[in-house]
Amino acid sequence: MQKIPINLAAPGMKLAKAVTKENGMTIMAEGMELTESLISRLEGMNIERITVQGHPVEMGGTGAGTHWGERLDRLDHLFRQYAEDKWMLRVKERMRQYFQIKAAAQEARMQAMKQAEGGDAPAENGGEDA
């Protein structure tokens, strides 16, 4: 099971968890196979992340050079004083997962912008989110 940004979703992936709105209403059930139209609908509903079966997206080095990637790189430094605190390590791991997802989404947006511009032109501003 892997949580991924919606802009990295691809047709054929299957949902490992139901997609729900903020109010708890189920939009798509667990086990549904994604299609282009379903992905577009989720994007239109401002769904940012989904959980899919397996690990179809490699996010290990994703986001290098992005705003969120920089935050991800700083986590070890920021939590250096809490190496023995199991609760702080859990917080650090949650933050690592969140930053990794955001970095992957940002990198995907930057690549899409490059392709839309016709290739090799770098994205301005690193595509930073607030």
C-alpha atoms as a PDB file:
ATOM      1  CA  MET A   1       0.000   0.000   0.000  1.00  0.00           C
ATOM      2  CA  GLN A   2       1.372   3.427  -0.969  1.00  0.00           C
ATOM      3  CA  LYS A   3       0.013   6.944  -0.531  1.00  0.00           C
ATOM      4  CA  ILE A   4       0.732   8.981  -3.645  1.00  0.00           C
ATOM      5  CA  PRO A   5      -0.112  12.459  -4.943  1.00  0.00           C
ATOM      6  CA  ILE A   6      -3.035  12.373  -7.365  1.00  0.00           C
ATOM      7  CA  ASN A   7      -0.895  13.777 -10.181  1.00  0.00           C
ATOM      8  CA  LEU A   8       1.240  10.601 -10.071  1.00  0.00           C
ATOM      9  CA  ALA A   9      -1.791   8.308 -10.340  1.00  0.00           C
ATOM     10  CA  ALA A  10      -2.018   6.255 -13.512  1.00  0.00           C
ATOM     11  CA  PRO A  11      -4.741   4.191 -15.157  1.00  0.00           C
ATOM     12  CA  GLY A  12      -4.684   0.597 -13.976  1.00  0.00           C
ATOM     13  CA  MET A  13      -3.704   1.367 -10.369  1.00  0.00           C
ATOM     14  CA  LYS A  14      -6.095  -0.017  -7.753  1.00  0.00           C
ATOM     15  CA  LEU A  15      -7.198   1.823  -4.650  1.00  0.00           C
ATOM     16  CA  ALA A  16      -5.992   0.264  -1.395  1.00  0.00           C
ATOM     17  CA  LYS A  17      -8.263   2.544   0.654  1.00  0.00           C
ATOM     18  CA  ALA A  18     -11.529   4.248  -0.140  1.00  0.00           C
ATOM     19  CA  VAL A  19     -11.272   7.867  -1.258  1.00  0.00           C
ATOM     20  CA  THR A  20     -13.350  10.102   0.976  1.00  0.00           C
ATOM     21  CA  LYS A  21     -14.228  13.773   1.171  1.00  0.00           C
ATOM     22  CA  GLU A  22     -13.398  15.831   4.259  1.00  0.00           C
ATOM     23  CA  ASN A  23     -16.892  15.183   5.623  1.00  0.00           C
ATOM     24  CA  GLY A  24     -16.286  11.411   5.449  1.00  0.00           C
ATOM     25  CA  MET A  25     -18.433  10.747   2.383  1.00  0.00           C
ATOM     26  CA  THR A  26     -16.977   7.949   0.236  1.00  0.00           C
ATOM     27  CA  ILE A  27     -16.201   9.021  -3.319  1.00  0.00           C
ATOM     28  CA  MET A  28     -14.560   5.818  -4.570  1.00  0.00           C
ATOM     29  CA  ALA A  29     -14.463   2.416  -2.915  1.00  0.00           C
ATOM     30  CA  GLU A  30     -11.414   0.380  -1.978  1.00  0.00           C
ATOM     31  CA  GLY A  31     -10.349  -1.938  -4.798  1.00  0.00           C
ATOM     32  CA  MET A  32     -11.544   0.273  -7.676  1.00  0.00           C
ATOM     33  CA  GLU A  33      -9.254   0.380 -10.681  1.00  0.00           C
ATOM     34  CA  LEU A  34      -8.332   3.891 -11.789  1.00  0.00           C
ATOM     35  CA  THR A  35      -9.013   5.157 -15.296  1.00  0.00           C
ATOM     36  CA  GLU A  36      -8.118   8.491 -16.907  1.00  0.00           C
ATOM     37  CA  SER A  37     -11.655   9.775 -16.327  1.00  0.00           C
ATOM     38  CA  LEU A  38     -11.685   8.727 -12.641  1.00  0.00           C
ATOM     39  CA  ILE A  39      -8.325  10.409 -12.074  1.00  0.00           C
ATOM     40  CA  SER A  40      -9.626  13.581 -13.741  1.00  0.00           C
ATOM     41  CA  ARG A  41     -12.711  13.501 -11.517  1.00  0.00           C
ATOM     42  CA  LEU A  42     -10.580  13.180  -8.384  1.00  0.00           C
ATOM     43  CA  GLU A  43      -8.436  16.112  -9.508  1.00  0.00           C
ATOM     44  CA  GLY A  44     -11.609  18.119 -10.164  1.00  0.00           C
ATOM     45  CA  MET A  45     -12.761  17.391  -6.601  1.00  0.00           C
ATOM     46  CA  ASN A  46      -9.431  18.710  -5.270  1.00  0.00           C
ATOM     47  CA  ILE A  47      -8.369  15.313  -3.899  1.00  0.00           C
ATOM     48  CA  GLU A  48      -4.628  15.672  -3.339  1.00  0.00           C
ATOM     49  CA  ARG A  49      -3.594  12.127  -2.336  1.00  0.00           C
ATOM     50  CA  ILE A  50      -4.824   8.570  -2.738  1.00  0.00           C
ATOM     51  CA  THR A  51      -3.663   5.233  -1.356  1.00  0.00           C
ATOM     52  CA  VAL A  52      -3.025   2.556  -3.969  1.00  0.00           C
ATOM     53  CA  GLN A  53      -2.176  -1.128  -3.795  1.00  0.00           C
ATOM     54  CA  GLY A  54       1.479  -2.114  -3.888  1.00  0.00           C
ATOM     55  CA  HIS A  55       4.241   0.432  -4.441  1.00  0.00           C
ATOM     56  CA  PRO A  56       3.814   1.502  -8.072  1.00  0.00           C
ATOM     57  CA  VAL A  57       5.601   4.851  -7.696  1.00  0.00           C
ATOM     58  CA  GLU A  58       9.273   5.057  -6.764  1.00  0.00           C
ATOM     59  CA  MET A  59       9.558   8.058  -4.469  1.00  0.00           C
ATOM     60  CA  GLY A  60      12.947   7.367  -2.871  1.00  0.00           C
ATOM     61  CA  GLY A  61      14.874  10.209  -4.500  1.00  0.00           C
ATOM     62  CA  THR A  62      11.845  12.107  -5.667  1.00  0.00           C
ATOM     63  CA  GLY A  63      11.771  15.823  -5.190  1.00  0.00           C
ATOM     64  CA  ALA A  64      15.475  16.571  -5.232  1.00  0.00           C
ATOM     65  CA  GLY A  65      15.898  20.287  -5.739  1.00  0.00           C
ATOM     66  CA  THR A  66      12.270  21.087  -4.902  1.00  0.00           C
ATOM     67  CA  HIS A  67      10.967  23.188  -2.035  1.00  0.00           C
ATOM     68  CA  TRP A  68       9.486  20.108  -0.329  1.00  0.00           C
ATOM     69  CA  GLY A  69      12.610  18.063  -1.070  1.00  0.00           C
ATOM     70  CA  GLU A  70      14.665  20.622   0.828  1.00  0.00           C
ATOM     71  CA  ARG A  71      12.350  20.278   3.817  1.00  0.00           C
ATOM     72  CA  LEU A  72      12.679  16.519   3.610  1.00  0.00           C
ATOM     73  CA  ASP A  73      16.470  16.794   3.599  1.00  0.00           C
ATOM     74  CA  ARG A  74      16.432  18.940   6.767  1.00  0.00           C
ATOM     75  CA  LEU A  75      14.388  16.536   8.914  1.00  0.00           C
ATOM     76  CA  ASP A  76      17.382  14.645  10.304  1.00  0.00           C
ATOM     77  CA  HIS A  77      18.986  17.901  11.356  1.00  0.00           C
ATOM     78  CA  LEU A  78      15.800  19.255  12.921  1.00  0.00           C
ATOM     79  CA  PHE A  79      15.147  16.091  14.951  1.00  0.00           C
ATOM     80  CA  ARG A  80      18.784  15.382  15.893  1.00  0.00           C
ATOM     81  CA  GLN A  81      18.152  16.009  19.618  1.00  0.00           C
ATOM     82  CA  TYR A  82      15.328  13.458  19.762  1.00  0.00           C
ATOM     83  CA  ALA A  83      17.104  10.281  18.634  1.00  0.00           C
ATOM     84  CA  GLU A  84      15.901   8.387  21.737  1.00  0.00           C
ATOM     85  CA  ASP A  85      12.359   9.821  21.940  1.00  0.00           C
ATOM     86  CA  LYS A  86       9.977   7.310  20.337  1.00  0.00           C
ATOM     87  CA  TRP A  87       7.143   9.851  20.055  1.00  0.00           C
ATOM     88  CA  MET A  88       9.267  12.442  18.339  1.00  0.00           C
ATOM     89  CA  LEU A  89      10.566   9.754  15.978  1.00  0.00           C
ATOM     90  CA  ARG A  90       6.952   8.987  15.049  1.00  0.00           C
ATOM     91  CA  VAL A  91       6.349  12.682  14.367  1.00  0.00           C
ATOM     92  CA  LYS A  92       9.519  12.792  12.257  1.00  0.00           C
ATOM     93  CA  GLU A  93       8.392   9.746  10.239  1.00  0.00           C
ATOM     94  CA  ARG A  94       4.951  11.267   9.601  1.00  0.00           C
ATOM     95  CA  MET A  95       6.601  14.479   8.460  1.00  0.00           C
ATOM     96  CA  ARG A  96       8.977  12.496   6.229  1.00  0.00           C
ATOM     97  CA  GLN A  97       6.022  10.745   4.561  1.00  0.00           C
ATOM     98  CA  TYR A  98       4.157  14.032   4.094  1.00  0.00           C
ATOM     99  CA  PHE A  99       7.171  15.879   2.654  1.00  0.00           C
ATOM    100  CA  GLN A 100       7.960  12.948   0.365  1.00  0.00           C
ATOM    101  CA  ILE A 101       4.444  13.010  -1.086  1.00  0.00           C
ATOM    102  CA  LYS A 102       4.516  16.794  -1.521  1.00  0.00           C
ATOM    103  CA  ALA A 103       7.994  16.664  -3.118  1.00  0.00           C
ATOM    104  CA  ALA A 104       6.871  13.970  -5.563  1.00  0.00           C
ATOM    105  CA  ALA A 105       3.809  16.010  -6.517  1.00  0.00           C
ATOM    106  CA  GLN A 106       5.885  19.159  -6.959  1.00  0.00           C
ATOM    107  CA  GLU A 107       8.429  17.350  -9.116  1.00  0.00           C
ATOM    108  CA  ALA A 108       5.641  15.885 -11.268  1.00  0.00           C
ATOM    109  CA  ARG A 109       4.171  19.379 -11.764  1.00  0.00           C
ATOM    110  CA  MET A 110       7.600  20.721 -12.728  1.00  0.00           C
ATOM    111  CA  GLN A 111       8.082  17.915 -15.275  1.00  0.00           C
ATOM    112  CA  ALA A 112       4.621  18.511 -16.705  1.00  0.00           C
ATOM    113  CA  MET A 113       5.433  22.216 -17.075  1.00  0.00           C
ATOM    114  CA  LYS A 114       8.686  21.368 -18.874  1.00  0.00           C
ATOM    115  CA  GLN A 115       6.850  19.060 -21.270  1.00  0.00           C
ATOM    116  CA  ALA A 116       4.169  21.687 -21.888  1.00  0.00           C
ATOM    117  CA  GLU A 117       6.854  24.270 -22.642  1.00  0.00           C
ATOM    118  CA  GLY A 118       8.433  21.964 -25.166  1.00  0.00           C
ATOM    119  CA  GLY A 119      11.228  20.237 -23.356  1.00  0.00           C
ATOM    120  CA  ASP A 120      14.350  21.503 -21.717  1.00  0.00           C
ATOM    121  CA  ALA A 121      13.270  24.850 -20.245  1.00  0.00           C
ATOM    122  CA  PRO A 122      13.535  24.758 -16.428  1.00  0.00           C
ATOM    123  CA  ALA A 123      10.438  25.568 -14.369  1.00  0.00           C
ATOM    124  CA  GLU A 124      10.544  29.022 -12.840  1.00  0.00           C
ATOM    125  CA  ASN A 125      10.693  29.375  -9.075  1.00  0.00           C
ATOM    126  CA  GLY A 126      11.013  25.603  -8.550  1.00  0.00           C
ATOM    127  CA  GLY A 127       7.215  25.318  -8.625  1.00  0.00           C
ATOM    128  CA  GLU A 128       7.029  26.171  -4.928  1.00  0.00           C
ATOM    129  CA  ASP A 129       3.892  25.675  -2.888  1.00  0.00           C
ATOM    130  CA  ALA A 130       3.032  27.877   0.044  1.00  0.00           C
END
